[in-house]
Amino acid sequence: MQQPTEHTACRLEMRINRRVGRGHHRNGPFNTCHLDEGEWTTLAPGVECKAAHSCPSHDTFLWRLAPNTSLPAHQHDSDEESILISGDIWLDGEYCEPGAVHFAPQGSVHTRIFTPQGALLVVKHYK
């Protein structure tokens, strides 16, 4: 019998873990959040959010914005770091593409935020 490739073995392990309910938390202290698992919460038209991780120092979320979605001006209650995974976004007049990392310090104010194509971001709120 031929041994499975490393990729095949890892995919099989993931499928088994998901089936027995260990898809989100598995392998000891590690935490993996998958896009297709868990619940997305609608925050506003075209804006969805899903909790990915929480610990004493910060909370991490996935944000999904539909094409042509805007967020109004807002002030940050805490430091916030975001990474654009896919799509595009305008932040305070600066055009950002995938891979852009943005930091907004506590007390800072964003003007309108807009995404022409839609966007997927990882957003970390520090406590």
N, C-alpha and C. Protein backbone atom coordinates (compact mmCIF):
# COMPACT_ATOMS: atom_id res chain seq x y z
N MET A 1 0.84 -1.18 0.00
CA MET A 1 0.00 0.00 0.00
C MET A 1 0.88 1.24 0.00
N GLN A 2 0.54 2.20 -0.86
CA GLN A 2 1.32 3.41 -0.99
C GLN A 2 0.96 4.40 0.12
N GLN A 3 1.96 5.04 0.70
CA GLN A 3 1.75 6.04 1.74
C GLN A 3 1.15 7.30 1.11
N PRO A 4 0.21 7.96 1.82
CA PRO A 4 -0.34 9.21 1.28
C PRO A 4 0.72 10.30 1.31
N THR A 5 0.57 11.27 0.41
CA THR A 5 1.49 12.40 0.42
C THR A 5 1.23 13.21 1.69
N GLU A 6 2.17 14.06 2.05
CA GLU A 6 2.01 14.91 3.25
C GLU A 6 0.76 15.78 3.13
N HIS A 7 0.54 16.33 1.94
CA HIS A 7 -0.63 17.16 1.71
C HIS A 7 -1.92 16.37 1.91
N THR A 8 -1.99 15.17 1.36
CA THR A 8 -3.18 14.32 1.50
C THR A 8 -3.40 13.96 2.96
N ALA A 9 -2.34 13.62 3.67
CA ALA A 9 -2.46 13.26 5.09
C ALA A 9 -2.97 14.43 5.91
N CYS A 10 -2.47 15.63 5.64
CA CYS A 10 -2.91 16.81 6.38
C CYS A 10 -4.37 17.13 6.09
N ARG A 11 -4.78 17.03 4.83
CA ARG A 11 -6.18 17.30 4.49
C ARG A 11 -7.12 16.28 5.15
N LEU A 12 -6.70 15.02 5.20
CA LEU A 12 -7.50 13.99 5.85
C LEU A 12 -7.62 14.28 7.34
N GLU A 13 -6.53 14.64 7.98
CA GLU A 13 -6.56 14.97 9.41
C GLU A 13 -7.51 16.15 9.66
N MET A 14 -7.47 17.18 8.80
CA MET A 14 -8.34 18.32 8.95
C MET A 14 -9.81 17.91 8.82
N ARG A 15 -10.12 17.08 7.82
CA ARG A 15 -11.51 16.62 7.65
C ARG A 15 -11.99 15.84 8.85
N ILE A 16 -11.15 14.99 9.40
CA ILE A 16 -11.53 14.21 10.59
C ILE A 16 -11.76 15.15 11.77
N ASN A 17 -10.86 16.09 11.98
CA ASN A 17 -11.00 17.04 13.10
C ASN A 17 -12.28 17.86 12.98
N ARG A 18 -12.60 18.30 11.77
CA ARG A 18 -13.84 19.06 11.57
C ARG A 18 -15.05 18.19 11.86
N ARG A 19 -15.02 16.94 11.41
CA ARG A 19 -16.16 16.05 11.58
C ARG A 19 -16.42 15.74 13.05
N VAL A 20 -15.38 15.63 13.86
CA VAL A 20 -15.56 15.32 15.28
C VAL A 20 -15.65 16.59 16.14
N GLY A 21 -15.77 17.76 15.47
CA GLY A 21 -16.00 18.98 16.22
C GLY A 21 -14.76 19.69 16.71
N ARG A 22 -13.61 19.38 16.13
CA ARG A 22 -12.39 20.06 16.55
C ARG A 22 -11.85 20.95 15.44
N GLY A 23 -12.72 21.44 14.57
CA GLY A 23 -12.26 22.23 13.44
C GLY A 23 -11.77 23.62 13.80
N HIS A 24 -12.29 24.20 14.87
CA HIS A 24 -11.90 25.55 15.24
C HIS A 24 -10.76 25.54 16.25
N HIS A 25 -10.82 24.66 17.22
CA HIS A 25 -9.76 24.55 18.23
C HIS A 25 -9.23 23.13 18.17
N ARG A 26 -7.95 22.99 17.87
CA ARG A 26 -7.40 21.65 17.79
C ARG A 26 -5.90 21.71 18.07
N ASN A 27 -5.32 20.56 18.28
CA ASN A 27 -3.89 20.43 18.48
C ASN A 27 -3.36 21.33 19.60
N GLY A 28 -3.94 21.16 20.79
CA GLY A 28 -3.43 21.87 21.95
C GLY A 28 -3.74 23.36 21.92
N PRO A 29 -2.71 24.21 22.06
CA PRO A 29 -2.95 25.64 22.22
C PRO A 29 -3.23 26.38 20.92
N PHE A 30 -3.20 25.70 19.79
CA PHE A 30 -3.36 26.38 18.51
C PHE A 30 -4.81 26.61 18.17
N ASN A 31 -5.09 27.70 17.46
CA ASN A 31 -6.45 28.07 17.10
C ASN A 31 -6.47 28.45 15.62
N THR A 32 -7.30 27.77 14.85
CA THR A 32 -7.44 28.09 13.43
C THR A 32 -8.89 28.45 13.16
N CYS A 33 -9.10 29.58 12.49
CA CYS A 33 -10.44 30.02 12.11
C CYS A 33 -10.54 29.93 10.60
N HIS A 34 -11.48 29.14 10.09
CA HIS A 34 -11.66 28.96 8.66
C HIS A 34 -12.80 29.86 8.16
N LEU A 35 -12.64 30.41 6.96
CA LEU A 35 -13.65 31.29 6.39
C LEU A 35 -15.02 30.64 6.30
N ASP A 36 -15.05 29.35 5.97
CA ASP A 36 -16.32 28.66 5.72
C ASP A 36 -16.92 28.04 6.98
N GLU A 37 -16.33 28.29 8.13
CA GLU A 37 -16.87 27.74 9.39
C GLU A 37 -17.26 28.87 10.32
N GLY A 38 -18.20 28.59 11.20
CA GLY A 38 -18.62 29.59 12.17
C GLY A 38 -19.60 30.58 11.58
N GLU A 39 -20.01 31.51 12.40
CA GLU A 39 -21.06 32.45 12.02
C GLU A 39 -20.50 33.83 11.72
N TRP A 40 -20.97 34.41 10.63
CA TRP A 40 -20.68 35.80 10.29
C TRP A 40 -21.81 36.65 10.84
N THR A 41 -21.49 37.77 11.44
CA THR A 41 -22.48 38.70 11.98
C THR A 41 -22.56 39.91 11.06
N THR A 42 -23.76 40.28 10.64
CA THR A 42 -23.94 41.47 9.81
C THR A 42 -23.93 42.69 10.71
N LEU A 43 -22.97 43.61 10.46
CA LEU A 43 -22.85 44.83 11.26
C LEU A 43 -23.57 46.00 10.62
N ALA A 44 -23.61 45.99 9.30
CA ALA A 44 -24.28 47.03 8.52
C ALA A 44 -24.47 46.45 7.12
N PRO A 45 -25.28 47.07 6.28
CA PRO A 45 -25.43 46.54 4.92
C PRO A 45 -24.07 46.41 4.23
N GLY A 46 -23.75 45.19 3.79
CA GLY A 46 -22.50 44.93 3.09
C GLY A 46 -21.29 44.72 3.99
N VAL A 47 -21.49 44.70 5.30
CA VAL A 47 -20.37 44.56 6.25
C VAL A 47 -20.65 43.39 7.18
N GLU A 48 -19.76 42.38 7.15
CA GLU A 48 -19.89 41.21 8.02
C GLU A 48 -18.61 41.03 8.81
N CYS A 49 -18.76 40.44 9.99
CA CYS A 49 -17.63 40.24 10.89
C CYS A 49 -17.74 38.87 11.53
N LYS A 50 -16.58 38.25 11.78
CA LYS A 50 -16.55 36.96 12.46
C LYS A 50 -15.38 36.97 13.44
N ALA A 51 -15.65 36.57 14.70
CA ALA A 51 -14.59 36.47 15.70
C ALA A 51 -13.66 35.32 15.33
N ALA A 52 -12.36 35.58 15.37
CA ALA A 52 -11.38 34.55 15.05
C ALA A 52 -10.61 34.11 16.28
N HIS A 53 -10.35 35.05 17.21
CA HIS A 53 -9.54 34.73 18.38
C HIS A 53 -9.71 35.82 19.43
N SER A 54 -9.66 35.42 20.68
CA SER A 54 -9.72 36.38 21.77
C SER A 54 -8.75 35.95 22.86
N CYS A 55 -8.02 36.91 23.39
CA CYS A 55 -7.11 36.65 24.50
C CYS A 55 -7.03 37.91 25.35
N PRO A 56 -6.35 37.89 26.49
CA PRO A 56 -6.33 39.07 27.36
C PRO A 56 -5.81 40.36 26.70
N SER A 57 -4.94 40.26 25.70
CA SER A 57 -4.35 41.47 25.12
C SER A 57 -5.09 42.01 23.90
N HIS A 58 -5.84 41.15 23.19
CA HIS A 58 -6.49 41.60 21.96
C HIS A 58 -7.59 40.64 21.52
N ASP A 59 -8.42 41.14 20.61
CA ASP A 59 -9.43 40.33 19.92
C ASP A 59 -9.14 40.42 18.42
N THR A 60 -9.23 39.29 17.72
CA THR A 60 -8.97 39.26 16.28
C THR A 60 -10.25 38.86 15.56
N PHE A 61 -10.54 39.57 14.48
CA PHE A 61 -11.76 39.35 13.71
C PHE A 61 -11.44 39.24 12.23
N LEU A 62 -12.31 38.58 11.50
CA LEU A 62 -12.32 38.64 10.04
C LEU A 62 -13.44 39.60 9.67
N TRP A 63 -13.16 40.52 8.78
CA TRP A 63 -14.15 41.46 8.27
C TRP A 63 -14.31 41.21 6.78
N ARG A 64 -15.56 41.14 6.34
CA ARG A 64 -15.86 40.93 4.92
C ARG A 64 -16.76 42.08 4.47
N LEU A 65 -16.30 42.82 3.46
CA LEU A 65 -17.05 43.95 2.93
C LEU A 65 -17.44 43.66 1.49
N ALA A 66 -18.70 43.88 1.17
CA ALA A 66 -19.20 43.66 -0.18
C ALA A 66 -18.70 44.78 -1.10
N PRO A 67 -18.67 44.54 -2.41
CA PRO A 67 -18.26 45.60 -3.35
C PRO A 67 -19.10 46.86 -3.17
N ASN A 68 -18.44 48.00 -3.35
CA ASN A 68 -19.07 49.32 -3.26
C ASN A 68 -19.66 49.62 -1.89
N THR A 69 -19.02 49.11 -0.85
CA THR A 69 -19.46 49.35 0.52
C THR A 69 -18.62 50.47 1.15
N SER A 70 -19.29 51.31 1.91
CA SER A 70 -18.62 52.39 2.64
C SER A 70 -18.85 52.23 4.13
N LEU A 71 -17.87 52.63 4.91
CA LEU A 71 -18.02 52.73 6.36
C LEU A 71 -17.96 54.22 6.70
N PRO A 72 -18.79 54.69 7.62
CA PRO A 72 -18.78 56.11 7.97
C PRO A 72 -17.54 56.47 8.80
N ALA A 73 -17.31 57.77 8.91
CA ALA A 73 -16.24 58.25 9.78
C ALA A 73 -16.45 57.70 11.19
N HIS A 74 -15.36 57.35 11.85
CA HIS A 74 -15.47 56.80 13.21
C HIS A 74 -14.16 57.00 13.97
N GLN A 75 -14.28 57.03 15.29
CA GLN A 75 -13.12 57.17 16.16
C GLN A 75 -12.78 55.81 16.76
N HIS A 76 -11.49 55.54 16.92
CA HIS A 76 -11.03 54.26 17.47
C HIS A 76 -10.95 54.33 18.99
N ASP A 77 -11.67 53.43 19.66
CA ASP A 77 -11.67 53.36 21.12
C ASP A 77 -10.41 52.70 21.65
N SER A 78 -9.72 51.94 20.78
CA SER A 78 -8.48 51.26 21.17
C SER A 78 -7.58 51.18 19.94
N ASP A 79 -6.32 50.81 20.14
CA ASP A 79 -5.43 50.58 19.01
C ASP A 79 -6.01 49.48 18.14
N GLU A 80 -5.86 49.63 16.83
CA GLU A 80 -6.39 48.64 15.89
C GLU A 80 -5.38 48.42 14.77
N GLU A 81 -5.17 47.16 14.43
CA GLU A 81 -4.29 46.79 13.33
C GLU A 81 -5.08 45.96 12.34
N SER A 82 -4.93 46.24 11.05
CA SER A 82 -5.66 45.46 10.05
C SER A 82 -4.74 45.08 8.90
N ILE A 83 -5.03 43.93 8.31
CA ILE A 83 -4.28 43.42 7.16
C ILE A 83 -5.30 43.11 6.07
N LEU A 84 -5.12 43.70 4.90
CA LEU A 84 -6.01 43.45 3.78
C LEU A 84 -5.59 42.14 3.11
N ILE A 85 -6.47 41.15 3.13
CA ILE A 85 -6.20 39.83 2.58
C ILE A 85 -6.54 39.77 1.09
N SER A 86 -7.71 40.30 0.73
CA SER A 86 -8.11 40.30 -0.68
C SER A 86 -8.99 41.51 -0.94
N GLY A 87 -9.13 41.85 -2.22
CA GLY A 87 -9.93 43.01 -2.60
C GLY A 87 -9.11 44.28 -2.56
N ASP A 88 -9.80 45.40 -2.38
CA ASP A 88 -9.14 46.69 -2.27
C ASP A 88 -9.94 47.58 -1.34
N ILE A 89 -9.29 48.63 -0.85
CA ILE A 89 -9.97 49.53 0.09
C ILE A 89 -9.29 50.89 0.06
N TRP A 90 -10.10 51.92 0.20
CA TRP A 90 -9.60 53.29 0.36
C TRP A 90 -9.70 53.64 1.84
N LEU A 91 -8.58 54.00 2.45
CA LEU A 91 -8.53 54.42 3.86
C LEU A 91 -8.02 55.85 3.92
N ASP A 92 -8.88 56.77 4.27
CA ASP A 92 -8.48 58.18 4.41
C ASP A 92 -7.72 58.68 3.19
N GLY A 93 -8.22 58.36 2.00
CA GLY A 93 -7.63 58.84 0.77
C GLY A 93 -6.45 58.04 0.25
N GLU A 94 -6.08 56.96 0.94
CA GLU A 94 -4.98 56.10 0.49
C GLU A 94 -5.55 54.79 -0.05
N TYR A 95 -5.15 54.43 -1.27
CA TYR A 95 -5.62 53.20 -1.89
C TYR A 95 -4.76 52.02 -1.42
N CYS A 96 -5.40 50.97 -0.91
CA CYS A 96 -4.69 49.79 -0.39
C CYS A 96 -5.10 48.55 -1.17
N GLU A 97 -4.10 47.70 -1.43
CA GLU A 97 -4.30 46.43 -2.12
C GLU A 97 -3.89 45.29 -1.19
N PRO A 98 -4.17 44.02 -1.55
CA PRO A 98 -3.83 42.91 -0.67
C PRO A 98 -2.39 42.95 -0.17
N GLY A 99 -2.25 42.67 1.11
CA GLY A 99 -0.95 42.70 1.77
C GLY A 99 -0.71 43.97 2.55
N ALA A 100 -1.54 44.99 2.33
CA ALA A 100 -1.38 46.25 3.07
C ALA A 100 -1.68 46.02 4.55
N VAL A 101 -0.84 46.59 5.40
CA VAL A 101 -1.03 46.53 6.85
C VAL A 101 -1.28 47.95 7.33
N HIS A 102 -2.34 48.15 8.10
CA HIS A 102 -2.74 49.48 8.55
C HIS A 102 -2.85 49.48 10.07
N PHE A 103 -2.33 50.53 10.71
CA PHE A 103 -2.45 50.67 12.16
C PHE A 103 -3.15 51.98 12.47
N ALA A 104 -4.17 51.93 13.31
CA ALA A 104 -4.90 53.11 13.76
C ALA A 104 -4.78 53.19 15.28
N PRO A 105 -4.11 54.22 15.81
CA PRO A 105 -3.96 54.32 17.26
C PRO A 105 -5.26 54.73 17.96
N GLN A 106 -5.35 54.40 19.23
CA GLN A 106 -6.50 54.76 20.05
C GLN A 106 -6.72 56.27 19.95
N GLY A 107 -7.99 56.66 19.75
CA GLY A 107 -8.34 58.07 19.68
C GLY A 107 -8.29 58.65 18.27
N SER A 108 -7.69 57.93 17.32
CA SER A 108 -7.62 58.44 15.94
C SER A 108 -8.99 58.35 15.29
N VAL A 109 -9.19 59.18 14.26
CA VAL A 109 -10.48 59.23 13.57
C VAL A 109 -10.25 58.91 12.09
N HIS A 110 -11.01 57.95 11.58
CA HIS A 110 -11.01 57.65 10.15
C HIS A 110 -12.11 58.44 9.48
N THR A 111 -11.80 58.98 8.31
CA THR A 111 -12.87 59.52 7.49
C THR A 111 -13.51 58.32 6.78
N ARG A 112 -14.33 58.58 5.83
CA ARG A 112 -15.02 57.51 5.10
C ARG A 112 -14.04 56.46 4.58
N ILE A 113 -14.43 55.19 4.72
CA ILE A 113 -13.69 54.05 4.18
C ILE A 113 -14.55 53.45 3.08
N PHE A 114 -13.93 53.11 1.95
CA PHE A 114 -14.70 52.63 0.81
C PHE A 114 -13.95 51.49 0.12
N THR A 115 -14.69 50.46 -0.34
CA THR A 115 -14.09 49.37 -1.11
C THR A 115 -14.83 49.21 -2.43
N PRO A 116 -14.15 49.47 -3.56
CA PRO A 116 -14.78 49.28 -4.86
C PRO A 116 -15.05 47.81 -5.19
N GLN A 117 -14.07 46.92 -4.92
CA GLN A 117 -14.16 45.51 -5.30
C GLN A 117 -14.73 44.61 -4.21
N GLY A 118 -14.82 45.11 -3.00
CA GLY A 118 -15.08 44.27 -1.84
C GLY A 118 -13.75 43.97 -1.18
N ALA A 119 -13.79 43.51 0.05
CA ALA A 119 -12.53 43.27 0.77
C ALA A 119 -12.71 42.23 1.85
N LEU A 120 -11.60 41.55 2.14
CA LEU A 120 -11.51 40.64 3.28
C LEU A 120 -10.30 41.11 4.09
N LEU A 121 -10.53 41.37 5.37
CA LEU A 121 -9.48 41.88 6.24
C LEU A 121 -9.39 41.06 7.52
N VAL A 122 -8.18 41.01 8.08
CA VAL A 122 -7.98 40.53 9.43
C VAL A 122 -7.81 41.79 10.27
N VAL A 123 -8.64 41.94 11.32
CA VAL A 123 -8.61 43.14 12.14
C VAL A 123 -8.36 42.73 13.59
N LYS A 124 -7.36 43.37 14.19
CA LYS A 124 -7.00 43.08 15.58
C LYS A 124 -7.25 44.32 16.43
N HIS A 125 -8.12 44.17 17.46
CA HIS A 125 -8.40 45.23 18.41
C HIS A 125 -7.64 44.95 19.69
N TYR A 126 -6.79 45.89 20.08
CA TYR A 126 -6.03 45.71 21.33
C TYR A 126 -6.86 46.19 22.50
N LYS A 127 -6.70 45.53 23.64
CA LYS A 127 -7.49 45.87 24.83
C LYS A 127 -6.70 46.81 25.72
